[in-house]
Amino acid sequence: EEIAEVLDIPPGTVASRKHHAAQRLRRELERTGHAL
């Protein structure tokens, strides 16, 4: 909520962006052999 407030965007957008960023990070780590 604090991030959404600072960026002046809806909390759902923050959650969505965090989710997609985590997915990208996970895929990249797996691709480079650093699976979590």
N, C-alpha and C. Protein backbone atom coordinates (compact mmCIF):
# COMPACT_ATOMS: atom_id res chain seq x y z
N GLU A 1 0.83 -1.20 0.00
CA GLU A 1 0.00 0.00 0.00
C GLU A 1 0.86 1.26 0.00
N GLU A 2 1.95 1.21 0.76
CA GLU A 2 2.82 2.38 0.81
C GLU A 2 3.47 2.64 -0.56
N ILE A 3 3.89 1.57 -1.22
CA ILE A 3 4.48 1.72 -2.55
C ILE A 3 3.45 2.32 -3.51
N ALA A 4 2.24 1.79 -3.46
CA ALA A 4 1.17 2.28 -4.34
C ALA A 4 0.93 3.77 -4.09
N GLU A 5 0.95 4.15 -2.83
CA GLU A 5 0.72 5.55 -2.47
C GLU A 5 1.83 6.45 -3.03
N VAL A 6 3.08 6.03 -2.82
CA VAL A 6 4.22 6.83 -3.27
C VAL A 6 4.22 6.96 -4.79
N LEU A 7 3.90 5.86 -5.49
CA LEU A 7 3.91 5.88 -6.95
C LEU A 7 2.59 6.37 -7.54
N ASP A 8 1.61 6.58 -6.67
CA ASP A 8 0.28 7.04 -7.09
C ASP A 8 -0.35 6.10 -8.12
N ILE A 9 -0.30 4.79 -7.78
CA ILE A 9 -0.92 3.75 -8.62
C ILE A 9 -1.72 2.82 -7.72
N PRO A 10 -2.68 2.08 -8.27
CA PRO A 10 -3.49 1.19 -7.46
C PRO A 10 -2.66 0.06 -6.83
N PRO A 11 -3.02 -0.38 -5.62
CA PRO A 11 -2.30 -1.49 -4.97
C PRO A 11 -2.27 -2.75 -5.84
N GLY A 12 -3.32 -2.99 -6.61
CA GLY A 12 -3.34 -4.17 -7.48
C GLY A 12 -2.26 -4.12 -8.54
N THR A 13 -1.95 -2.92 -9.00
CA THR A 13 -0.88 -2.75 -10.00
C THR A 13 0.47 -3.10 -9.37
N VAL A 14 0.67 -2.67 -8.14
CA VAL A 14 1.92 -2.99 -7.43
C VAL A 14 2.05 -4.51 -7.29
N ALA A 15 0.98 -5.17 -6.88
CA ALA A 15 1.00 -6.62 -6.71
C ALA A 15 1.29 -7.32 -8.03
N SER A 16 0.66 -6.85 -9.10
CA SER A 16 0.86 -7.44 -10.42
C SER A 16 2.31 -7.28 -10.87
N ARG A 17 2.85 -6.09 -10.69
CA ARG A 17 4.24 -5.84 -11.11
C ARG A 17 5.22 -6.69 -10.30
N LYS A 18 4.96 -6.83 -9.00
CA LYS A 18 5.82 -7.67 -8.16
C LYS A 18 5.76 -9.12 -8.61
N HIS A 19 4.56 -9.59 -8.91
CA HIS A 19 4.36 -10.97 -9.36
C HIS A 19 5.12 -11.23 -10.66
N HIS A 20 4.95 -10.34 -11.63
CA HIS A 20 5.62 -10.54 -12.91
C HIS A 20 7.14 -10.41 -12.79
N ALA A 21 7.60 -9.52 -11.94
CA ALA A 21 9.05 -9.39 -11.73
C ALA A 21 9.61 -10.66 -11.11
N ALA A 22 8.90 -11.23 -10.15
CA ALA A 22 9.35 -12.48 -9.52
C ALA A 22 9.38 -13.62 -10.53
N GLN A 23 8.38 -13.67 -11.41
CA GLN A 23 8.36 -14.70 -12.46
C GLN A 23 9.56 -14.56 -13.38
N ARG A 24 9.85 -13.34 -13.81
CA ARG A 24 10.99 -13.11 -14.70
C ARG A 24 12.30 -13.50 -14.02
N LEU A 25 12.44 -13.12 -12.76
CA LEU A 25 13.65 -13.44 -12.01
C LEU A 25 13.81 -14.95 -11.88
N ARG A 26 12.72 -15.64 -11.54
CA ARG A 26 12.75 -17.10 -11.39
C ARG A 26 13.16 -17.76 -12.71
N ARG A 27 12.55 -17.32 -13.81
CA ARG A 27 12.89 -17.90 -15.12
C ARG A 27 14.36 -17.68 -15.46
N GLU A 28 14.85 -16.47 -15.20
CA GLU A 28 16.25 -16.17 -15.52
C GLU A 28 17.19 -16.99 -14.65
N LEU A 29 16.87 -17.13 -13.38
CA LEU A 29 17.71 -17.94 -12.49
C LEU A 29 17.72 -19.40 -12.94
N GLU A 30 16.56 -19.91 -13.32
CA GLU A 30 16.49 -21.29 -13.80
C GLU A 30 17.28 -21.44 -15.10
N ARG A 31 17.17 -20.46 -15.97
CA ARG A 31 17.87 -20.50 -17.26
C ARG A 31 19.38 -20.54 -17.07
N THR A 32 19.86 -19.85 -16.06
CA THR A 32 21.30 -19.78 -15.84
C THR A 32 21.78 -20.84 -14.84
N GLY A 33 20.88 -21.75 -14.46
CA GLY A 33 21.28 -22.85 -13.58
C GLY A 33 21.30 -22.52 -12.10
N HIS A 34 20.59 -21.49 -11.72
CA HIS A 34 20.52 -21.09 -10.30
C HIS A 34 19.10 -21.25 -9.78
N ALA A 35 18.55 -22.44 -9.92
CA ALA A 35 17.16 -22.68 -9.50
C ALA A 35 17.00 -22.43 -8.00
N LEU A 36 15.85 -21.92 -7.63
CA LEU A 36 15.56 -21.65 -6.22
C LEU A 36 15.07 -22.89 -5.52
